Amino acid sequence: MNKLLETLQSLSSDDLDNLIDQRDEGPFDCTWVKLNQCISEVSATIDNKELFIRLSNATNHHVVCSYIADDLELINKAETLGIESEFLDYLKHCYQQGVVPSEWHT
């Protein structure tokens, strides 16, 4: 988590806006939404309020923080169901590297 916080703190508001724009485009958004629909009925959740607050304090960019919290919940639910995919591997790898996932090429 510290790597992610460092990365976020190093990004400007414009950088964060661009990251959101990339996530909201084509392949990334379509793949994320499709996976989320597969797991939407799982009741397993993570308490991401503390995480959201820490990230928000670091960035003052609540949309990015919300996306990160949603990603981590998506990963948690998929793991609960035993779902595996290249996209999930990509999300996990990005967060392990302290990077917010933003581009996906199928």
Protein backbone atom coordinates (compact mmCIF):
# COMPACT_ATOMS: atom_id res chain seq x y z
CA MET A 1 0.00 0.00 0.00
CA ASN A 2 2.88 2.36 0.71
CA LYS A 3 4.09 2.06 -2.90
CA LEU A 4 0.64 2.96 -4.14
CA LEU A 5 0.43 5.97 -1.83
CA GLU A 6 3.84 7.15 -3.02
CA THR A 7 2.80 6.79 -6.64
CA LEU A 8 -0.45 8.66 -6.10
CA GLN A 9 1.28 11.48 -4.25
CA SER A 10 3.69 11.91 -7.15
CA LEU A 11 0.89 12.41 -9.68
CA SER A 12 -0.59 15.78 -10.50
CA SER A 13 -4.32 16.39 -10.63
CA ASP A 14 -4.09 16.34 -14.43
CA ASP A 15 -2.28 12.99 -14.30
CA LEU A 16 -5.04 11.57 -12.11
CA ASP A 17 -7.71 12.94 -14.45
CA ASN A 18 -5.94 11.29 -17.41
CA LEU A 19 -5.79 8.02 -15.50
CA ILE A 20 -9.55 8.16 -14.98
CA ASP A 21 -10.11 8.93 -18.65
CA GLN A 22 -8.03 5.90 -19.66
CA ARG A 23 -9.97 3.63 -17.31
CA ASP A 24 -13.31 4.90 -18.59
CA GLU A 25 -12.44 4.03 -22.18
CA GLY A 26 -13.11 0.92 -24.24
CA PRO A 27 -11.34 -2.27 -23.30
CA PHE A 28 -10.56 -1.49 -19.66
CA ASP A 29 -14.06 -0.33 -18.78
CA CYS A 30 -15.79 -3.09 -20.75
CA THR A 31 -13.67 -5.81 -19.16
CA TRP A 32 -14.07 -4.37 -15.65
CA VAL A 33 -17.86 -4.08 -15.98
CA LYS A 34 -18.18 -7.60 -17.41
CA LEU A 35 -16.19 -9.09 -14.53
CA ASN A 36 -18.14 -7.06 -11.99
CA GLN A 37 -21.40 -8.40 -13.39
CA CYS A 38 -20.12 -11.96 -12.90
CA ILE A 39 -19.46 -11.39 -9.23
CA SER A 40 -22.16 -8.90 -8.32
CA GLU A 41 -24.14 -11.38 -6.25
CA VAL A 42 -21.27 -12.23 -3.90
CA SER A 43 -21.81 -10.71 -0.49
CA ALA A 44 -18.14 -10.77 0.49
CA THR A 45 -16.94 -7.24 0.94
CA ILE A 46 -13.88 -5.59 2.33
CA ASP A 47 -13.93 -2.63 4.64
CA ASN A 48 -12.38 -0.07 2.35
CA LYS A 49 -13.43 3.04 4.28
CA GLU A 50 -10.03 3.39 5.98
CA LEU A 51 -8.26 2.77 2.68
CA PHE A 52 -10.43 5.34 0.91
CA ILE A 53 -9.65 7.92 3.59
CA ARG A 54 -5.90 7.26 3.42
CA LEU A 55 -5.89 7.52 -0.35
CA SER A 56 -8.11 10.61 -0.34
CA ASN A 57 -5.82 12.34 2.12
CA ALA A 58 -2.85 11.55 -0.12
CA THR A 59 -4.44 12.73 -3.36
CA ASN A 60 -7.51 14.89 -2.72
CA HIS A 61 -8.87 13.08 -5.78
CA HIS A 62 -11.87 11.10 -4.59
CA VAL A 63 -12.80 9.55 -7.94
CA VAL A 64 -9.44 7.77 -8.27
CA CYS A 65 -9.70 6.62 -4.66
CA SER A 66 -13.17 5.26 -5.29
CA TYR A 67 -11.94 3.36 -8.36
CA ILE A 68 -9.10 1.83 -6.35
CA ALA A 69 -11.46 0.75 -3.57
CA ASP A 70 -13.81 -0.75 -6.18
CA ASP A 71 -10.90 -2.61 -7.81
CA LEU A 72 -9.82 -4.12 -4.51
CA GLU A 73 -13.37 -5.21 -3.76
CA LEU A 74 -13.65 -6.72 -7.25
CA ILE A 75 -10.43 -8.67 -6.69
CA ASN A 76 -11.62 -9.87 -3.28
CA LYS A 77 -14.98 -11.05 -4.58
CA ALA A 78 -13.45 -12.79 -7.59
CA GLU A 79 -11.02 -14.62 -5.32
CA THR A 80 -13.91 -15.63 -3.05
CA LEU A 81 -15.62 -17.22 -6.06
CA GLY A 82 -12.40 -18.75 -7.36
CA ILE A 83 -12.59 -16.74 -10.57
CA GLU A 84 -9.34 -16.36 -12.43
CA SER A 85 -8.66 -14.20 -15.46
CA GLU A 86 -5.88 -12.34 -17.17
CA PHE A 87 -7.59 -9.09 -16.27
CA LEU A 88 -7.63 -9.96 -12.56
CA ASP A 89 -3.96 -10.92 -12.78
CA TYR A 90 -3.30 -7.55 -14.40
CA LEU A 91 -5.14 -5.67 -11.63
CA LYS A 92 -3.28 -7.57 -8.91
CA HIS A 93 0.09 -7.07 -10.60
CA CYS A 94 -0.48 -3.32 -10.95
CA TYR A 95 -1.36 -2.92 -7.29
CA GLN A 96 1.58 -5.07 -6.21
CA GLN A 97 3.79 -2.66 -8.17
CA GLY A 98 2.11 0.36 -6.56
CA VAL A 99 0.43 1.43 -9.80
CA VAL A 100 -3.22 2.20 -10.48
CA PRO A 101 -4.36 0.04 -13.40
CA SER A 102 -5.58 2.14 -16.28
CA GLU A 103 -4.98 0.41 -19.61
CA TRP A 104 -6.10 -2.99 -20.74
CA HIS A 105 -5.54 -4.52 -24.14
CA THR A 106 -7.42 -7.68 -24.92
